[in-house]
Amino acid sequence: MDGAETQVRRPQAGRPGRRAFVSGKRRQNTIRTTTFSDGQGRMLLSGAVRPGRMHDQTALRTEGIAEQSRTRPTVKARVDSGYQGLAKEFPGQVSAPPRKPADEACDGDKYAWQEARRR
């Protein structure tokens, strides 16, 4: 699973919800699409298009896909760091990369995090 952002033209002035398209990450007008692929990288499903301001995990829950994880416990998923909360909620099903250590963490923790991300 991954949420991809695509830059779009700025919505017309005076349009309700215009600010919803401004992404906090890119600081541009974007739309977000949730994409699913199999283990070999082939795209299985491209979810509904959402405004760029919406977080990956929020878009997934809005679509009802998180609820599908409850009803199908045998399905496994690998996700990016935008879905950390989903991995915490479904530890046996969803695997996300490890969280980045705090700035105050020792160098050993930072090095271990880099190695885990690389793998």
C-alpha atoms as a PDB file:
ATOM      1  CA  MET A   1       0.000   0.000   0.000  1.00  0.00           C
ATOM      2  CA  ASP A   2       1.174   3.483  -0.750  1.00  0.00           C
ATOM      3  CA  GLY A   3      -0.305   6.942  -1.011  1.00  0.00           C
ATOM      4  CA  ALA A   4       0.917   8.883  -4.034  1.00  0.00           C
ATOM      5  CA  GLU A   5       0.609  12.628  -4.511  1.00  0.00           C
ATOM      6  CA  THR A   6       0.120  14.211  -7.920  1.00  0.00           C
ATOM      7  CA  GLN A   7       0.371  17.930  -8.542  1.00  0.00           C
ATOM      8  CA  VAL A   8      -2.791  19.514  -9.971  1.00  0.00           C
ATOM      9  CA  ARG A   9      -3.802  22.965 -11.117  1.00  0.00           C
ATOM     10  CA  ARG A  10      -4.921  25.331  -8.414  1.00  0.00           C
ATOM     11  CA  PRO A  11      -8.698  25.133  -7.826  1.00  0.00           C
ATOM     12  CA  GLN A  12     -10.727  28.155  -8.896  1.00  0.00           C
ATOM     13  CA  ALA A  13     -10.893  31.113  -6.496  1.00  0.00           C
ATOM     14  CA  GLY A  14     -13.948  31.122  -4.265  1.00  0.00           C
ATOM     15  CA  ARG A  15     -14.426  27.367  -4.577  1.00  0.00           C
ATOM     16  CA  PRO A  16     -15.416  25.753  -1.260  1.00  0.00           C
ATOM     17  CA  GLY A  17     -12.712  23.451   0.034  1.00  0.00           C
ATOM     18  CA  ARG A  18      -9.948  25.070  -1.997  1.00  0.00           C
ATOM     19  CA  ARG A  19      -7.439  24.897   0.864  1.00  0.00           C
ATOM     20  CA  ALA A  20      -7.938  21.134   1.189  1.00  0.00           C
ATOM     21  CA  PHE A  21      -5.818  20.575  -1.914  1.00  0.00           C
ATOM     22  CA  VAL A  22      -2.691  22.225  -0.494  1.00  0.00           C
ATOM     23  CA  SER A  23      -0.365  19.469   0.675  1.00  0.00           C
ATOM     24  CA  GLY A  24       1.587  19.992   3.879  1.00  0.00           C
ATOM     25  CA  LYS A  25       4.450  17.895   2.556  1.00  0.00           C
ATOM     26  CA  ARG A  26       4.885  19.471  -0.874  1.00  0.00           C
ATOM     27  CA  ARG A  27       3.317  22.874  -0.192  1.00  0.00           C
ATOM     28  CA  GLN A  28       1.592  22.615  -3.563  1.00  0.00           C
ATOM     29  CA  ASN A  29      -1.902  21.821  -4.814  1.00  0.00           C
ATOM     30  CA  THR A  30      -2.066  18.046  -5.020  1.00  0.00           C
ATOM     31  CA  ILE A  31      -4.401  15.068  -5.030  1.00  0.00           C
ATOM     32  CA  ARG A  32      -3.655  11.815  -3.220  1.00  0.00           C
ATOM     33  CA  THR A  33      -4.308   8.330  -4.571  1.00  0.00           C
ATOM     34  CA  THR A  34      -3.991   5.141  -2.500  1.00  0.00           C
ATOM     35  CA  THR A  35      -2.430   2.340  -4.536  1.00  0.00           C
ATOM     36  CA  PHE A  36      -2.213  -1.395  -3.828  1.00  0.00           C
ATOM     37  CA  SER A  37       0.240  -3.767  -5.472  1.00  0.00           C
ATOM     38  CA  ASP A  38       1.152  -7.431  -5.134  1.00  0.00           C
ATOM     39  CA  GLY A  39       4.494  -8.865  -4.029  1.00  0.00           C
ATOM     40  CA  GLN A  40       5.964  -8.474  -7.522  1.00  0.00           C
ATOM     41  CA  GLY A  41       5.069  -4.788  -7.828  1.00  0.00           C
ATOM     42  CA  ARG A  42       2.086  -5.164 -10.170  1.00  0.00           C
ATOM     43  CA  MET A  43      -0.682  -2.666  -9.409  1.00  0.00           C
ATOM     44  CA  LEU A  44      -3.866  -4.335  -8.174  1.00  0.00           C
ATOM     45  CA  LEU A  45      -6.031  -1.354  -7.245  1.00  0.00           C
ATOM     46  CA  SER A  46      -5.825   2.404  -7.364  1.00  0.00           C
ATOM     47  CA  GLY A  47      -8.214   3.807  -4.749  1.00  0.00           C
ATOM     48  CA  ALA A  48     -10.352   6.904  -4.847  1.00  0.00           C
ATOM     49  CA  VAL A  49      -8.746  10.297  -5.324  1.00  0.00           C
ATOM     50  CA  ARG A  50      -8.625  12.512  -2.227  1.00  0.00           C
ATOM     51  CA  PRO A  51      -7.429  16.090  -1.634  1.00  0.00           C
ATOM     52  CA  GLY A  52      -3.685  16.434  -0.985  1.00  0.00           C
ATOM     53  CA  ARG A  53      -4.055  17.675   2.575  1.00  0.00           C
ATOM     54  CA  MET A  54      -5.507  14.353   3.734  1.00  0.00           C
ATOM     55  CA  HIS A  55      -3.041  11.995   5.435  1.00  0.00           C
ATOM     56  CA  ASP A  56      -2.382   8.524   3.946  1.00  0.00           C
ATOM     57  CA  GLN A  57      -3.872   6.690   6.891  1.00  0.00           C
ATOM     58  CA  THR A  58      -6.973   8.923   7.026  1.00  0.00           C
ATOM     59  CA  ALA A  59      -7.671   8.278   3.349  1.00  0.00           C
ATOM     60  CA  LEU A  60      -7.325   4.535   3.951  1.00  0.00           C
ATOM     61  CA  ARG A  61      -9.802   4.619   6.831  1.00  0.00           C
ATOM     62  CA  THR A  62     -12.239   6.805   4.885  1.00  0.00           C
ATOM     63  CA  GLU A  63     -12.278   4.238   2.089  1.00  0.00           C
ATOM     64  CA  GLY A  64     -13.061   1.466   4.589  1.00  0.00           C
ATOM     65  CA  ILE A  65      -9.910  -0.488   3.782  1.00  0.00           C
ATOM     66  CA  ALA A  66      -8.776  -0.603   7.410  1.00  0.00           C
ATOM     67  CA  GLU A  67     -12.068  -2.337   8.229  1.00  0.00           C
ATOM     68  CA  GLN A  68     -11.246  -4.983   5.606  1.00  0.00           C
ATOM     69  CA  SER A  69      -8.157  -5.905   7.649  1.00  0.00           C
ATOM     70  CA  ARG A  70     -10.445  -6.842  10.524  1.00  0.00           C
ATOM     71  CA  THR A  71     -12.645  -9.087   8.393  1.00  0.00           C
ATOM     72  CA  ARG A  72      -9.733 -10.758   6.558  1.00  0.00           C
ATOM     73  CA  PRO A  73      -7.059 -11.589   9.163  1.00  0.00           C
ATOM     74  CA  THR A  74      -5.017 -13.781   6.782  1.00  0.00           C
ATOM     75  CA  VAL A  75      -4.173 -10.919   4.404  1.00  0.00           C
ATOM     76  CA  LYS A  76      -0.712  -9.407   5.007  1.00  0.00           C
ATOM     77  CA  ALA A  77       0.449  -5.957   3.894  1.00  0.00           C
ATOM     78  CA  ARG A  78       3.734  -4.069   3.737  1.00  0.00           C
ATOM     79  CA  VAL A  79       3.288  -0.320   4.001  1.00  0.00           C
ATOM     80  CA  ASP A  80       5.409   2.824   4.074  1.00  0.00           C
ATOM     81  CA  SER A  81       5.959   5.043   7.093  1.00  0.00           C
ATOM     82  CA  GLY A  82       2.702   6.956   6.507  1.00  0.00           C
ATOM     83  CA  TYR A  83       0.790   3.989   7.916  1.00  0.00           C
ATOM     84  CA  GLN A  84       2.592   3.567  11.278  1.00  0.00           C
ATOM     85  CA  GLY A  85      -0.703   3.680  13.211  1.00  0.00           C
ATOM     86  CA  LEU A  86      -2.220   0.985  11.023  1.00  0.00           C
ATOM     87  CA  ALA A  87       0.787  -1.250  11.680  1.00  0.00           C
ATOM     88  CA  LYS A  88       0.352  -0.663  15.404  1.00  0.00           C
ATOM     89  CA  GLU A  89      -3.352  -1.532  15.229  1.00  0.00           C
ATOM     90  CA  PHE A  90      -2.819  -4.740  13.187  1.00  0.00           C
ATOM     91  CA  PRO A  91       0.647  -5.980  14.267  1.00  0.00           C
ATOM     92  CA  GLY A  92       0.374  -9.441  12.711  1.00  0.00           C
ATOM     93  CA  GLN A  93      -1.008  -8.234   9.393  1.00  0.00           C
ATOM     94  CA  VAL A  94       0.584  -4.900   8.562  1.00  0.00           C
ATOM     95  CA  SER A  95       4.335  -4.306   8.666  1.00  0.00           C
ATOM     96  CA  ALA A  96       5.767  -0.767   8.512  1.00  0.00           C
ATOM     97  CA  PRO A  97       9.376   0.438   8.680  1.00  0.00           C
ATOM     98  CA  PRO A  98      10.723   1.289  12.139  1.00  0.00           C
ATOM     99  CA  ARG A  99      10.133   4.767  13.529  1.00  0.00           C
ATOM    100  CA  LYS A 100      12.930   7.307  13.335  1.00  0.00           C
ATOM    101  CA  PRO A 101      14.745   7.731  16.669  1.00  0.00           C
ATOM    102  CA  ALA A 102      14.621  11.071  18.472  1.00  0.00           C
ATOM    103  CA  ASP A 103      17.427  13.592  18.031  1.00  0.00           C
ATOM    104  CA  GLU A 104      18.579  12.872  21.588  1.00  0.00           C
ATOM    105  CA  ALA A 105      18.996   9.135  20.884  1.00  0.00           C
ATOM    106  CA  CYS A 106      22.462   7.608  20.999  1.00  0.00           C
ATOM    107  CA  ASP A 107      24.435   7.009  17.804  1.00  0.00           C
ATOM    108  CA  GLY A 108      23.940   3.241  18.103  1.00  0.00           C
ATOM    109  CA  ASP A 109      20.156   3.619  17.903  1.00  0.00           C
ATOM    110  CA  LYS A 110      20.432   5.928  14.894  1.00  0.00           C
ATOM    111  CA  TYR A 111      22.762   3.501  13.110  1.00  0.00           C
ATOM    112  CA  ALA A 112      20.465   0.538  13.855  1.00  0.00           C
ATOM    113  CA  TRP A 113      17.524   2.509  12.457  1.00  0.00           C
ATOM    114  CA  GLN A 114      19.422   3.269   9.244  1.00  0.00           C
ATOM    115  CA  GLU A 115      20.346  -0.385   8.802  1.00  0.00           C
ATOM    116  CA  ALA A 116      16.768  -1.539   9.412  1.00  0.00           C
ATOM    117  CA  ARG A 117      15.470   0.963   6.841  1.00  0.00           C
ATOM    118  CA  ARG A 118      18.055  -0.170   4.323  1.00  0.00           C
ATOM    119  CA  ARG A 119      16.945  -3.800   4.697  1.00  0.00           C
END
